[in-house]
């Protein structure tokens, strides 16, 4: 059965910062000012002042909070061959 917890509680703590979260997600990460924590292809991993990871593309100057997806086709064949070394 479904438990009735959460019903009739409009001040549920789960949703209190949802608006705040949407605002922070929609704003772009800062331009990196320090050396990257990690580099994968053109993407660098950085940390903002609050300790959140974000991603920066040196080629396109693109910044994002979400990890970039690797393209299925692969930009270069070198990227594909490197995955074998990781296993």
PDB file of N, CA and C in Angstrom:
ATOM      1  N   UNK A   1       0.801  -1.182   0.000  1.00  0.00           N
ATOM      2  CA  UNK A   1       0.000   0.000   0.000  1.00  0.00           C
ATOM      3  C   UNK A   1       0.850   1.254   0.000  1.00  0.00           C
ATOM      4  N   UNK A   2       0.199   2.347  -0.238  1.00  0.00           N
ATOM      5  CA  UNK A   2       0.886   3.643  -0.248  1.00  0.00           C
ATOM      6  C   UNK A   2       0.679   4.306   1.101  1.00  0.00           C
ATOM      7  N   UNK A   3       1.758   4.704   1.731  1.00  0.00           N
ATOM      8  CA  UNK A   3       1.634   5.355   3.036  1.00  0.00           C
ATOM      9  C   UNK A   3       1.174   6.796   2.855  1.00  0.00           C
ATOM     10  N   UNK A   4       0.382   7.306   3.802  1.00  0.00           N
ATOM     11  CA  UNK A   4      -0.164   8.662   3.658  1.00  0.00           C
ATOM     12  C   UNK A   4       0.809   9.768   4.062  1.00  0.00           C
ATOM     13  N   UNK A   5       2.048   9.441   4.356  1.00  0.00           N
ATOM     14  CA  UNK A   5       2.983  10.484   4.765  1.00  0.00           C
ATOM     15  C   UNK A   5       3.186  11.476   3.639  1.00  0.00           C
ATOM     16  N   UNK A   6       3.239  12.740   3.991  1.00  0.00           N
ATOM     17  CA  UNK A   6       3.436  13.768   2.989  1.00  0.00           C
ATOM     18  C   UNK A   6       2.135  14.399   2.550  1.00  0.00           C
ATOM     19  N   UNK A   7       1.017  13.715   2.733  1.00  0.00           N
ATOM     20  CA  UNK A   7      -0.269  14.293   2.345  1.00  0.00           C
ATOM     21  C   UNK A   7      -0.720  15.288   3.407  1.00  0.00           C
ATOM     22  N   UNK A   8      -1.240  16.414   2.959  1.00  0.00           N
ATOM     23  CA  UNK A   8      -1.732  17.412   3.884  1.00  0.00           C
ATOM     24  C   UNK A   8      -0.618  18.191   4.561  1.00  0.00           C
ATOM     25  N   UNK A   9       0.593  18.107   4.023  1.00  0.00           N
ATOM     26  CA  UNK A   9       1.721  18.845   4.586  1.00  0.00           C
ATOM     27  C   UNK A   9       2.294  19.751   3.513  1.00  0.00           C
ATOM     28  N   UNK A  10       1.694  20.913   3.286  1.00  0.00           N
ATOM     29  CA  UNK A  10       2.182  21.794   2.211  1.00  0.00           C
ATOM     30  C   UNK A  10       3.583  22.326   2.486  1.00  0.00           C
ATOM     31  N   UNK A  11       4.015  22.332   3.745  1.00  0.00           N
ATOM     32  CA  UNK A  11       5.353  22.830   4.075  1.00  0.00           C
ATOM     33  C   UNK A  11       6.383  21.698   4.068  1.00  0.00           C
ATOM     34  N   UNK A  12       6.170  20.704   3.232  1.00  0.00           N
ATOM     35  CA  UNK A  12       7.081  19.568   3.157  1.00  0.00           C
ATOM     36  C   UNK A  12       8.502  20.049   2.863  1.00  0.00           C
ATOM     37  N   UNK A  13       9.479  19.642   3.669  1.00  0.00           N
ATOM     38  CA  UNK A  13      10.847  20.129   3.483  1.00  0.00           C
ATOM     39  C   UNK A  13      11.473  19.702   2.160  1.00  0.00           C
ATOM     40  N   UNK A  14      10.908  18.705   1.511  1.00  0.00           N
ATOM     41  CA  UNK A  14      11.453  18.234   0.243  1.00  0.00           C
ATOM     42  C   UNK A  14      11.383  19.327  -0.817  1.00  0.00           C
ATOM     43  N   UNK A  15      10.341  20.136  -0.766  1.00  0.00           N
ATOM     44  CA  UNK A  15      10.121  21.104  -1.821  1.00  0.00           C
ATOM     45  C   UNK A  15      10.481  22.537  -1.437  1.00  0.00           C
ATOM     46  N   UNK A  16      10.966  22.762  -0.225  1.00  0.00           N
ATOM     47  CA  UNK A  16      11.180  24.139   0.216  1.00  0.00           C
ATOM     48  C   UNK A  16      12.180  24.891  -0.634  1.00  0.00           C
ATOM     49  N   UNK A  17      13.219  24.237  -1.115  1.00  0.00           N
ATOM     50  CA  UNK A  17      14.226  24.962  -1.891  1.00  0.00           C
ATOM     51  C   UNK A  17      14.151  24.649  -3.380  1.00  0.00           C
ATOM     52  N   UNK A  18      13.027  24.151  -3.843  1.00  0.00           N
ATOM     53  CA  UNK A  18      12.897  23.794  -5.253  1.00  0.00           C
ATOM     54  C   UNK A  18      13.060  25.018  -6.149  1.00  0.00           C
ATOM     55  N   UNK A  19      12.431  26.134  -5.775  1.00  0.00           N
ATOM     56  CA  UNK A  19      12.549  27.357  -6.570  1.00  0.00           C
ATOM     57  C   UNK A  19      14.003  27.826  -6.592  1.00  0.00           C
ATOM     58  N   UNK A  20      14.646  27.760  -5.435  1.00  0.00           N
ATOM     59  CA  UNK A  20      16.051  28.156  -5.325  1.00  0.00           C
ATOM     60  C   UNK A  20      16.921  27.265  -6.210  1.00  0.00           C
ATOM     61  N   UNK A  21      16.608  25.987  -6.223  1.00  0.00           N
ATOM     62  CA  UNK A  21      17.361  25.031  -7.036  1.00  0.00           C
ATOM     63  C   UNK A  21      17.200  25.352  -8.519  1.00  0.00           C
ATOM     64  N   UNK A  22      15.988  25.663  -8.944  1.00  0.00           N
ATOM     65  CA  UNK A  22      15.754  26.006 -10.350  1.00  0.00           C
ATOM     66  C   UNK A  22      16.550  27.242 -10.746  1.00  0.00           C
ATOM     67  N   UNK A  23      16.606  28.216  -9.853  1.00  0.00           N
ATOM     68  CA  UNK A  23      17.345  29.443 -10.141  1.00  0.00           C
ATOM     69  C   UNK A  23      18.833  29.132 -10.299  1.00  0.00           C
ATOM     70  N   UNK A  24      19.371  28.346  -9.383  1.00  0.00           N
ATOM     71  CA  UNK A  24      20.807  28.054  -9.448  1.00  0.00           C
ATOM     72  C   UNK A  24      21.136  27.168 -10.651  1.00  0.00           C
ATOM     73  N   UNK A  25      20.214  26.303 -11.035  1.00  0.00           N
ATOM     74  CA  UNK A  25      20.439  25.449 -12.202  1.00  0.00           C
ATOM     75  C   UNK A  25      20.417  26.270 -13.489  1.00  0.00           C
ATOM     76  N   UNK A  26      19.577  27.303 -13.514  1.00  0.00           N
ATOM     77  CA  UNK A  26      19.432  28.064 -14.753  1.00  0.00           C
ATOM     78  C   UNK A  26      20.587  29.040 -14.959  1.00  0.00           C
ATOM     79  N   UNK A  27      21.214  29.485 -13.873  1.00  0.00           N
ATOM     80  CA  UNK A  27      22.333  30.406 -14.032  1.00  0.00           C
ATOM     81  C   UNK A  27      23.578  29.637 -14.458  1.00  0.00           C
ATOM     82  N   UNK A  28      24.385  30.285 -15.272  1.00  0.00           N
ATOM     83  CA  UNK A  28      25.590  29.626 -15.775  1.00  0.00           C
ATOM     84  C   UNK A  28      26.649  29.534 -14.686  1.00  0.00           C
ATOM     85  N   UNK A  29      27.467  28.514 -14.730  1.00  0.00           N
ATOM     86  CA  UNK A  29      28.613  28.435 -13.824  1.00  0.00           C
ATOM     87  C   UNK A  29      29.593  29.567 -14.116  1.00  0.00           C
ATOM     88  N   UNK A  30      30.462  29.885 -13.169  1.00  0.00           N
ATOM     89  CA  UNK A  30      31.428  30.963 -13.398  1.00  0.00           C
ATOM     90  C   UNK A  30      32.477  30.581 -14.437  1.00  0.00           C
ATOM     91  N   UNK A  31      33.129  31.578 -14.996  1.00  0.00           N
ATOM     92  CA  UNK A  31      34.254  31.314 -15.888  1.00  0.00           C
ATOM     93  C   UNK A  31      35.398  30.813 -15.012  1.00  0.00           C
ATOM     94  N   UNK A  32      36.019  29.697 -15.381  1.00  0.00           N
ATOM     95  CA  UNK A  32      37.060  29.137 -14.520  1.00  0.00           C
ATOM     96  C   UNK A  32      38.240  30.083 -14.350  1.00  0.00           C
ATOM     97  N   UNK A  33      38.695  30.215 -13.112  1.00  0.00           N
ATOM     98  CA  UNK A  33      39.830  31.088 -12.826  1.00  0.00           C
ATOM     99  C   UNK A  33      41.029  30.292 -12.316  1.00  0.00           C
ATOM    100  N   UNK A  34      40.818  29.007 -12.073  1.00  0.00           N
ATOM    101  CA  UNK A  34      41.915  28.165 -11.596  1.00  0.00           C
ATOM    102  C   UNK A  34      42.127  26.999 -12.551  1.00  0.00           C
ATOM    103  N   UNK A  35      43.130  26.203 -12.285  1.00  0.00           N
ATOM    104  CA  UNK A  35      43.397  25.058 -13.150  1.00  0.00           C
ATOM    105  C   UNK A  35      42.315  23.997 -12.952  1.00  0.00           C
ATOM    106  N   UNK A  36      42.000  23.248 -14.007  1.00  0.00           N
ATOM    107  CA  UNK A  36      40.917  22.261 -13.926  1.00  0.00           C
ATOM    108  C   UNK A  36      41.263  21.101 -13.002  1.00  0.00           C
ATOM    109  N   UNK A  37      40.233  20.503 -12.398  1.00  0.00           N
ATOM    110  CA  UNK A  37      40.407  19.303 -11.578  1.00  0.00           C
ATOM    111  C   UNK A  37      40.639  18.091 -12.466  1.00  0.00           C
ATOM    112  N   UNK A  38      39.999  18.113 -13.637  1.00  0.00           N
ATOM    113  CA  UNK A  38      40.039  16.961 -14.534  1.00  0.00           C
ATOM    114  C   UNK A  38      39.793  17.458 -15.957  1.00  0.00           C
ATOM    115  N   UNK A  39      40.405  16.827 -16.937  1.00  0.00           N
ATOM    116  CA  UNK A  39      40.192  17.186 -18.340  1.00  0.00           C
ATOM    117  C   UNK A  39      39.807  15.928 -19.107  1.00  0.00           C
ATOM    118  N   UNK A  40      38.723  16.015 -19.861  1.00  0.00           N
ATOM    119  CA  UNK A  40      38.294  14.914 -20.717  1.00  0.00           C
ATOM    120  C   UNK A  40      37.974  15.486 -22.084  1.00  0.00           C
ATOM    121  N   UNK A  41      38.847  15.270 -23.040  1.00  0.00           N
ATOM    122  CA  UNK A  41      38.665  15.861 -24.363  1.00  0.00           C
ATOM    123  C   UNK A  41      38.794  17.373 -24.256  1.00  0.00           C
ATOM    124  N   UNK A  42      37.790  18.094 -24.752  1.00  0.00           N
ATOM    125  CA  UNK A  42      37.786  19.556 -24.669  1.00  0.00           C
ATOM    126  C   UNK A  42      37.190  20.045 -23.359  1.00  0.00           C
ATOM    127  N   UNK A  43      36.611  19.151 -22.566  1.00  0.00           N
ATOM    128  CA  UNK A  43      35.897  19.545 -21.350  1.00  0.00           C
ATOM    129  C   UNK A  43      36.793  19.495 -20.126  1.00  0.00           C
ATOM    130  N   UNK A  44      36.727  20.541 -19.318  1.00  0.00           N
ATOM    131  CA  UNK A  44      37.459  20.614 -18.063  1.00  0.00           C
ATOM    132  C   UNK A  44      36.461  20.589 -16.917  1.00  0.00           C
ATOM    133  N   UNK A  45      36.825  19.904 -15.824  1.00  0.00           N
ATOM    134  CA  UNK A  45      35.994  19.915 -14.621  1.00  0.00           C
ATOM    135  C   UNK A  45      36.573  20.926 -13.649  1.00  0.00           C
ATOM    136  N   UNK A  46      35.713  21.809 -13.135  1.00  0.00           N
ATOM    137  CA  UNK A  46      36.122  22.832 -12.173  1.00  0.00           C
ATOM    138  C   UNK A  46      35.181  22.807 -10.979  1.00  0.00           C
ATOM    139  N   UNK A  47      35.562  23.510  -9.908  1.00  0.00           N
ATOM    140  CA  UNK A  47      34.703  23.661  -8.738  1.00  0.00           C
ATOM    141  C   UNK A  47      34.414  25.129  -8.531  1.00  0.00           C
ATOM    142  N   UNK A  48      33.139  25.466  -8.229  1.00  0.00           N
ATOM    143  CA  UNK A  48      32.813  26.862  -7.953  1.00  0.00           C
ATOM    144  C   UNK A  48      33.067  27.164  -6.473  1.00  0.00           C
ATOM    145  N   UNK A  49      32.774  28.393  -6.057  1.00  0.00           N
ATOM    146  CA  UNK A  49      33.080  28.816  -4.692  1.00  0.00           C
ATOM    147  C   UNK A  49      32.290  28.041  -3.642  1.00  0.00           C
ATOM    148  N   UNK A  50      31.140  27.483  -4.015  1.00  0.00           N
ATOM    149  CA  UNK A  50      30.344  26.710  -3.063  1.00  0.00           C
ATOM    150  C   UNK A  50      30.744  25.230  -3.064  1.00  0.00           C
ATOM    151  N   UNK A  51      31.720  24.866  -3.902  1.00  0.00           N
ATOM    152  CA  UNK A  51      32.192  23.482  -3.932  1.00  0.00           C
ATOM    153  C   UNK A  51      31.477  22.601  -4.930  1.00  0.00           C
ATOM    154  N   UNK A  52      30.615  23.201  -5.746  1.00  0.00           N
ATOM    155  CA  UNK A  52      29.895  22.444  -6.764  1.00  0.00           C
ATOM    156  C   UNK A  52      30.746  22.259  -8.012  1.00  0.00           C
ATOM    157  N   UNK A  53      30.731  21.071  -8.584  1.00  0.00           N
ATOM    158  CA  UNK A  53      31.458  20.833  -9.828  1.00  0.00           C
ATOM    159  C   UNK A  53      30.699  21.431 -11.003  1.00  0.00           C
ATOM    160  N   UNK A  54      31.448  21.980 -11.947  1.00  0.00           N
ATOM    161  CA  UNK A  54      30.868  22.408 -13.221  1.00  0.00           C
ATOM    162  C   UNK A  54      31.861  22.105 -14.320  1.00  0.00           C
ATOM    163  N   UNK A  55      31.392  22.234 -15.543  1.00  0.00           N
ATOM    164  CA  UNK A  55      32.178  21.798 -16.700  1.00  0.00           C
ATOM    165  C   UNK A  55      32.345  22.941 -17.679  1.00  0.00           C
ATOM    166  N   UNK A  56      33.534  23.040 -18.256  1.00  0.00           N
ATOM    167  CA  UNK A  56      33.885  24.139 -19.155  1.00  0.00           C
ATOM    168  C   UNK A  56      34.561  23.574 -20.397  1.00  0.00           C
ATOM    169  N   UNK A  57      34.091  24.017 -21.561  1.00  0.00           N
ATOM    170  CA  UNK A  57      34.673  23.579 -22.827  1.00  0.00           C
ATOM    171  C   UNK A  57      35.598  24.673 -23.350  1.00  0.00           C
ATOM    172  N   UNK A  58      36.876  24.351 -23.439  1.00  0.00           N
ATOM    173  CA  UNK A  58      37.860  25.352 -23.881  1.00  0.00           C
ATOM    174  C   UNK A  58      37.638  25.793 -25.320  1.00  0.00           C
ATOM    175  N   UNK A  59      37.177  24.892 -26.160  1.00  0.00           N
ATOM    176  CA  UNK A  59      37.013  25.201 -27.583  1.00  0.00           C
ATOM    177  C   UNK A  59      35.812  26.116 -27.833  1.00  0.00           C
ATOM    178  N   UNK A  60      34.681  25.802 -27.205  1.00  0.00           N
ATOM    179  CA  UNK A  60      33.444  26.547 -27.467  1.00  0.00           C
ATOM    180  C   UNK A  60      33.142  27.587 -26.397  1.00  0.00           C
ATOM    181  N   UNK A  61      33.957  27.640 -25.320  1.00  0.00           N
ATOM    182  CA  UNK A  61      33.724  28.540 -24.179  1.00  0.00           C
ATOM    183  C   UNK A  61      32.412  28.223 -23.468  1.00  0.00           C
ATOM    184  N   UNK A  62      31.866  27.027 -23.683  1.00  0.00           N
ATOM    185  CA  UNK A  62      30.589  26.636 -23.087  1.00  0.00           C
ATOM    186  C   UNK A  62      30.792  26.241 -21.631  1.00  0.00           C
ATOM    187  N   UNK A  63      29.838  26.631 -20.785  1.00  0.00           N
ATOM    188  CA  UNK A  63      29.872  26.265 -19.365  1.00  0.00           C
ATOM    189  C   UNK A  63      28.573  25.565 -19.012  1.00  0.00           C
ATOM    190  N   UNK A  64      28.641  24.503 -18.210  1.00  0.00           N
ATOM    191  CA  UNK A  64      27.443  23.764 -17.831  1.00  0.00           C
ATOM    192  C   UNK A  64      27.621  23.112 -16.468  1.00  0.00           C
ATOM    193  N   UNK A  65      26.504  22.967 -15.740  1.00  0.00           N
ATOM    194  CA  UNK A  65      26.523  22.273 -14.447  1.00  0.00           C
ATOM    195  C   UNK A  65      26.474  20.770 -14.657  1.00  0.00           C
ATOM    196  N   UNK A  66      25.856  20.327 -15.760  1.00  0.00           N
ATOM    197  CA  UNK A  66      25.691  18.897 -15.995  1.00  0.00           C
ATOM    198  C   UNK A  66      26.901  18.350 -16.737  1.00  0.00           C
ATOM    199  N   UNK A  67      27.309  17.143 -16.404  1.00  0.00           N
ATOM    200  CA  UNK A  67      28.437  16.550 -17.140  1.00  0.00           C
ATOM    201  C   UNK A  67      28.112  16.443 -18.623  1.00  0.00           C
ATOM    202  N   UNK A  68      29.028  16.858 -19.475  1.00  0.00           N
ATOM    203  CA  UNK A  68      28.766  16.781 -20.918  1.00  0.00           C
ATOM    204  C   UNK A  68      28.671  15.336 -21.376  1.00  0.00           C
ATOM    205  N   UNK A  69      27.779  15.087 -22.309  1.00  0.00           N
ATOM    206  CA  UNK A  69      27.644  13.731 -22.841  1.00  0.00           C
ATOM    207  C   UNK A  69      28.684  13.515 -23.917  1.00  0.00           C
ATOM    208  N   UNK A  70      29.260  12.337 -23.924  1.00  0.00           N
ATOM    209  CA  UNK A  70      30.208  12.038 -24.989  1.00  0.00           C
ATOM    210  C   UNK A  70      29.421  11.751 -26.256  1.00  0.00           C
ATOM    211  N   UNK A  71      29.909  12.255 -27.348  1.00  0.00           N
ATOM    212  CA  UNK A  71      29.202  12.051 -28.605  1.00  0.00           C
ATOM    213  C   UNK A  71      29.376  10.602 -29.055  1.00  0.00           C
ATOM    214  N   UNK A  72      28.288  10.013 -29.536  1.00  0.00           N
ATOM    215  CA  UNK A  72      28.303   8.607 -29.925  1.00  0.00           C
ATOM    216  C   UNK A  72      29.303   8.338 -31.045  1.00  0.00           C
ATOM    217  N   UNK A  73      29.388   9.257 -31.991  1.00  0.00           N
ATOM    218  CA  UNK A  73      30.273   9.062 -33.129  1.00  0.00           C
ATOM    219  C   UNK A  73      31.731   9.277 -32.752  1.00  0.00           C
ATOM    220  N   UNK A  74      31.975  10.018 -31.704  1.00  0.00           N
ATOM    221  CA  UNK A  74      33.350  10.303 -31.314  1.00  0.00           C
ATOM    222  C   UNK A  74      33.924  11.364 -32.227  1.00  0.00           C
ATOM    223  N   UNK A  75      34.528  12.379 -31.654  1.00  0.00           N
ATOM    224  CA  UNK A  75      35.085  13.454 -32.460  1.00  0.00           C
ATOM    225  C   UNK A  75      36.334  12.954 -33.180  1.00  0.00           C
ATOM    226  N   UNK A  76      37.179  12.252 -32.433  1.00  0.00           N
ATOM    227  CA  UNK A  76      38.383  11.683 -33.045  1.00  0.00           C
ATOM    228  C   UNK A  76      38.459  10.199 -32.723  1.00  0.00           C
ATOM    229  N   UNK A  77      39.132   9.464 -33.545  1.00  0.00           N
ATOM    230  CA  UNK A  77      39.295   8.033 -33.304  1.00  0.00           C
ATOM    231  C   UNK A  77      40.156   7.796 -32.058  1.00  0.00           C
ATOM    232  N   UNK A  78      40.999   8.732 -31.716  1.00  0.00           N
ATOM    233  CA  UNK A  78      41.870   8.589 -30.546  1.00  0.00           C
ATOM    234  C   UNK A  78      41.059   8.418 -29.266  1.00  0.00           C
ATOM    235  N   UNK A  79      39.940   9.112 -29.155  1.00  0.00           N
ATOM    236  CA  UNK A  79      39.097   8.997 -27.969  1.00  0.00           C
ATOM    237  C   UNK A  79      38.561   7.583 -27.803  1.00  0.00           C
ATOM    238  N   UNK A  80      38.222   6.957 -28.921  1.00  0.00           N
ATOM    239  CA  UNK A  80      37.648   5.614 -28.869  1.00  0.00           C
ATOM    240  C   UNK A  80      38.705   4.608 -28.421  1.00  0.00           C
ATOM    241  N   UNK A  81      39.916   4.721 -28.929  1.00  0.00           N
ATOM    242  CA  UNK A  81      40.952   3.749 -28.588  1.00  0.00           C
ATOM    243  C   UNK A  81      41.391   3.885 -27.139  1.00  0.00           C
ATOM    244  N   UNK A  82      41.277   5.076 -26.559  1.00  0.00           N
ATOM    245  CA  UNK A  82      41.683   5.278 -25.171  1.00  0.00           C
ATOM    246  C   UNK A  82      40.789   4.549 -24.178  1.00  0.00           C
ATOM    247  N   UNK A  83      39.543   4.267 -24.545  1.00  0.00           N
ATOM    248  CA  UNK A  83      38.626   3.610 -23.612  1.00  0.00           C
ATOM    249  C   UNK A  83      39.097   2.201 -23.290  1.00  0.00           C
ATOM    250  N   UNK A  84      39.822   1.560 -24.193  1.00  0.00           N
ATOM    251  CA  UNK A  84      40.332   0.214 -23.948  1.00  0.00           C
ATOM    252  C   UNK A  84      41.337   0.181 -22.806  1.00  0.00           C
ATOM    253  N   UNK A  85      42.098   1.263 -22.644  1.00  0.00           N
ATOM    254  CA  UNK A  85      43.096   1.320 -21.593  1.00  0.00           C
ATOM    255  C   UNK A  85      42.472   1.410 -20.205  1.00  0.00           C
ATOM    256  N   UNK A  86      41.263   1.903 -20.146  1.00  0.00           N
ATOM    257  CA  UNK A  86      40.608   2.129 -18.856  1.00  0.00           C
ATOM    258  C   UNK A  86      40.102   0.833 -18.239  1.00  0.00           C
ATOM    259  N   UNK A  87      39.848  -0.164 -19.051  1.00  0.00           N
ATOM    260  CA  UNK A  87      39.226  -1.401 -18.531  1.00  0.00           C
ATOM    261  C   UNK A  87      40.192  -2.230 -17.709  1.00  0.00           C
TER     262      UNK A  87
END
